[in-house]
Amino acid sequence: MRIESLKYMLMVQDMDRAVAFYRDVVGLKVNSQSPMWSELAHGDAVVALHGGGNGDFNPTGLSVQVSDVESACAEIETGGGLIRKAPGNRPGEPIKLAELADPEGNGFMMSEYVG
């Protein structure tokens, strides 16, 4: 088997809103966009957005590490996302972790390495 790429797919109800959130708020680069399938990237990592979502909360396992999780959470909220759990230190782990949701209901985590 030869893997060509690895994509992390999220279901979305409103493709334009989802692409704008991941492009303008999270900072991913749009590789392609269509009503039912869009791909955004950071380096080799691809987040694919698939139309047909219903907007319900959907835990995904997607995680983004940033240099300042508190200010990043403020940007997420300003950009239409939801802070489900404010950033906090994790016992036994060298990170601060926040639980968030995008405007489509997809849950994701954001962390800051605190060493």
C-alpha atoms as a PDB file:
ATOM      1  CA  MET A   1       0.000   0.000   0.000  1.00  0.00           C
ATOM      2  CA  ARG A   2       1.205   3.485  -0.837  1.00  0.00           C
ATOM      3  CA  ILE A   3      -0.647   6.250   0.989  1.00  0.00           C
ATOM      4  CA  GLU A   4      -0.772   9.470  -1.018  1.00  0.00           C
ATOM      5  CA  SER A   5      -2.319  11.708   1.646  1.00  0.00           C
ATOM      6  CA  LEU A   6      -4.188  11.581   4.922  1.00  0.00           C
ATOM      7  CA  LYS A   7      -7.318  13.714   5.310  1.00  0.00           C
ATOM      8  CA  TYR A   8      -9.339  14.530   8.397  1.00  0.00           C
ATOM      9  CA  MET A   9     -12.993  14.877   7.355  1.00  0.00           C
ATOM     10  CA  LEU A  10     -15.688  16.945   9.085  1.00  0.00           C
ATOM     11  CA  MET A  11     -19.371  17.059   8.158  1.00  0.00           C
ATOM     12  CA  VAL A  12     -20.792  20.534   7.544  1.00  0.00           C
ATOM     13  CA  GLN A  13     -24.236  21.996   6.958  1.00  0.00           C
ATOM     14  CA  ASP A  14     -23.126  25.316   5.414  1.00  0.00           C
ATOM     15  CA  MET A  15     -19.993  24.894   3.273  1.00  0.00           C
ATOM     16  CA  ASP A  16     -19.322  28.615   2.775  1.00  0.00           C
ATOM     17  CA  ARG A  17     -19.580  29.297   6.534  1.00  0.00           C
ATOM     18  CA  ALA A  18     -17.357  26.303   7.353  1.00  0.00           C
ATOM     19  CA  VAL A  19     -14.685  27.224   4.801  1.00  0.00           C
ATOM     20  CA  ALA A  20     -14.678  30.842   6.021  1.00  0.00           C
ATOM     21  CA  PHE A  21     -14.275  29.688   9.659  1.00  0.00           C
ATOM     22  CA  TYR A  22     -11.358  27.328   8.989  1.00  0.00           C
ATOM     23  CA  ARG A  23      -9.727  29.795   6.566  1.00  0.00           C
ATOM     24  CA  ASP A  24     -10.241  33.131   8.329  1.00  0.00           C
ATOM     25  CA  VAL A  25     -10.368  32.107  11.991  1.00  0.00           C
ATOM     26  CA  VAL A  26      -8.251  28.951  12.253  1.00  0.00           C
ATOM     27  CA  GLY A  27      -5.852  30.009   9.485  1.00  0.00           C
ATOM     28  CA  LEU A  28      -5.923  27.022   7.147  1.00  0.00           C
ATOM     29  CA  LYS A  29      -5.209  27.451   3.434  1.00  0.00           C
ATOM     30  CA  VAL A  30      -8.001  26.569   0.995  1.00  0.00           C
ATOM     31  CA  ASN A  31      -6.791  23.962  -1.492  1.00  0.00           C
ATOM     32  CA  SER A  32     -10.179  23.408  -3.116  1.00  0.00           C
ATOM     33  CA  GLN A  33     -13.803  24.361  -2.512  1.00  0.00           C
ATOM     34  CA  SER A  34     -17.119  23.074  -3.810  1.00  0.00           C
ATOM     35  CA  PRO A  35     -20.635  22.798  -2.338  1.00  0.00           C
ATOM     36  CA  MET A  36     -20.139  19.184  -1.147  1.00  0.00           C
ATOM     37  CA  TRP A  37     -16.364  18.791  -0.684  1.00  0.00           C
ATOM     38  CA  SER A  38     -13.672  21.285   0.276  1.00  0.00           C
ATOM     39  CA  GLU A  39     -10.097  20.796   1.420  1.00  0.00           C
ATOM     40  CA  LEU A  40      -8.073  23.121   3.624  1.00  0.00           C
ATOM     41  CA  ALA A  41      -4.510  22.565   4.748  1.00  0.00           C
ATOM     42  CA  HIS A  42      -1.710  23.462   7.102  1.00  0.00           C
ATOM     43  CA  GLY A  43       1.480  22.036   5.668  1.00  0.00           C
ATOM     44  CA  ASP A  44       0.751  18.427   4.730  1.00  0.00           C
ATOM     45  CA  ALA A  45      -2.236  18.165   7.106  1.00  0.00           C
ATOM     46  CA  VAL A  46      -5.611  18.333   5.324  1.00  0.00           C
ATOM     47  CA  VAL A  47      -9.005  19.072   6.849  1.00  0.00           C
ATOM     48  CA  ALA A  48     -11.701  18.009   4.399  1.00  0.00           C
ATOM     49  CA  LEU A  49     -15.214  19.410   4.748  1.00  0.00           C
ATOM     50  CA  HIS A  50     -18.088  17.246   3.491  1.00  0.00           C
ATOM     51  CA  GLY A  51     -21.540  18.707   2.880  1.00  0.00           C
ATOM     52  CA  GLY A  52     -24.646  17.107   4.329  1.00  0.00           C
ATOM     53  CA  GLY A  53     -24.057  17.678   8.035  1.00  0.00           C
ATOM     54  CA  ASN A  54     -27.021  18.477  10.260  1.00  0.00           C
ATOM     55  CA  GLY A  55     -25.380  20.990  12.618  1.00  0.00           C
ATOM     56  CA  ASP A  56     -25.625  18.772  15.718  1.00  0.00           C
ATOM     57  CA  PHE A  57     -22.612  18.592  18.041  1.00  0.00           C
ATOM     58  CA  ASN A  58     -20.172  16.040  16.651  1.00  0.00           C
ATOM     59  CA  PRO A  59     -17.021  15.153  18.648  1.00  0.00           C
ATOM     60  CA  THR A  60     -14.253  14.632  16.111  1.00  0.00           C
ATOM     61  CA  GLY A  61     -10.873  14.126  17.755  1.00  0.00           C
ATOM     62  CA  LEU A  62      -9.385  16.992  15.701  1.00  0.00           C
ATOM     63  CA  SER A  63      -6.793  18.915  17.723  1.00  0.00           C
ATOM     64  CA  VAL A  64      -4.836  22.073  16.944  1.00  0.00           C
ATOM     65  CA  GLN A  65      -1.774  23.158  18.949  1.00  0.00           C
ATOM     66  CA  VAL A  66      -1.192  26.919  19.243  1.00  0.00           C
ATOM     67  CA  SER A  67       1.295  29.156  21.051  1.00  0.00           C
ATOM     68  CA  ASP A  68      -1.361  30.991  23.146  1.00  0.00           C
ATOM     69  CA  VAL A  69      -4.543  29.003  23.749  1.00  0.00           C
ATOM     70  CA  GLU A  70      -6.391  31.776  25.631  1.00  0.00           C
ATOM     71  CA  SER A  71      -6.065  34.315  22.816  1.00  0.00           C
ATOM     72  CA  ALA A  72      -6.779  31.611  20.213  1.00  0.00           C
ATOM     73  CA  CYS A  73     -10.015  30.729  22.040  1.00  0.00           C
ATOM     74  CA  ALA A  74     -11.035  34.382  21.966  1.00  0.00           C
ATOM     75  CA  GLU A  75     -10.465  34.390  18.193  1.00  0.00           C
ATOM     76  CA  ILE A  76     -12.514  31.199  17.819  1.00  0.00           C
ATOM     77  CA  GLU A  77     -15.420  32.713  19.755  1.00  0.00           C
ATOM     78  CA  THR A  78     -15.258  36.011  17.839  1.00  0.00           C
ATOM     79  CA  GLY A  79     -15.213  34.034  14.594  1.00  0.00           C
ATOM     80  CA  GLY A  80     -18.426  32.152  15.388  1.00  0.00           C
ATOM     81  CA  GLY A  81     -17.090  29.101  17.211  1.00  0.00           C
ATOM     82  CA  LEU A  82     -18.141  27.941  20.678  1.00  0.00           C
ATOM     83  CA  ILE A  83     -15.967  27.480  23.763  1.00  0.00           C
ATOM     84  CA  ARG A  84     -17.325  24.263  25.318  1.00  0.00           C
ATOM     85  CA  LYS A  85     -14.611  24.097  27.999  1.00  0.00           C
ATOM     86  CA  ALA A  86     -12.221  26.976  28.730  1.00  0.00           C
ATOM     87  CA  PRO A  87      -8.465  26.325  28.573  1.00  0.00           C
ATOM     88  CA  GLY A  88      -7.073  24.566  31.611  1.00  0.00           C
ATOM     89  CA  ASN A  89      -3.978  22.705  32.682  1.00  0.00           C
ATOM     90  CA  ARG A  90      -4.080  18.935  32.340  1.00  0.00           C
ATOM     91  CA  PRO A  91      -2.796  16.962  35.353  1.00  0.00           C
ATOM     92  CA  GLY A  92       0.231  14.935  34.306  1.00  0.00           C
ATOM     93  CA  GLU A  93       0.361  16.499  30.847  1.00  0.00           C
ATOM     94  CA  PRO A  94       2.457  19.487  29.737  1.00  0.00           C
ATOM     95  CA  ILE A  95      -0.452  21.264  28.029  1.00  0.00           C
ATOM     96  CA  LYS A  96      -3.340  23.654  28.535  1.00  0.00           C
ATOM     97  CA  LEU A  97      -6.377  22.250  26.747  1.00  0.00           C
ATOM     98  CA  ALA A  98      -9.646  23.815  25.545  1.00  0.00           C
ATOM     99  CA  GLU A  99     -12.673  22.064  24.063  1.00  0.00           C
ATOM    100  CA  LEU A 100     -14.336  23.972  21.228  1.00  0.00           C
ATOM    101  CA  ALA A 101     -16.936  23.599  18.483  1.00  0.00           C
ATOM    102  CA  ASP A 102     -16.965  25.138  15.027  1.00  0.00           C
ATOM    103  CA  PRO A 103     -20.110  26.892  13.701  1.00  0.00           C
ATOM    104  CA  GLU A 104     -21.181  23.555  12.169  1.00  0.00           C
ATOM    105  CA  GLY A 105     -21.224  21.719  15.523  1.00  0.00           C
ATOM    106  CA  ASN A 106     -17.931  19.832  15.008  1.00  0.00           C
ATOM    107  CA  GLY A 107     -16.074  19.576  18.293  1.00  0.00           C
ATOM    108  CA  PHE A 108     -12.318  19.997  18.347  1.00  0.00           C
ATOM    109  CA  MET A 109      -9.567  20.622  20.865  1.00  0.00           C
ATOM    110  CA  MET A 110      -7.003  23.352  21.023  1.00  0.00           C
ATOM    111  CA  SER A 111      -3.886  23.032  23.147  1.00  0.00           C
ATOM    112  CA  GLU A 112      -0.839  25.026  24.200  1.00  0.00           C
ATOM    113  CA  TYR A 113       2.392  23.284  25.151  1.00  0.00           C
ATOM    114  CA  VAL A 114       3.481  24.574  28.554  1.00  0.00           C
ATOM    115  CA  GLY A 115       6.492  22.345  28.916  1.00  0.00           C
END
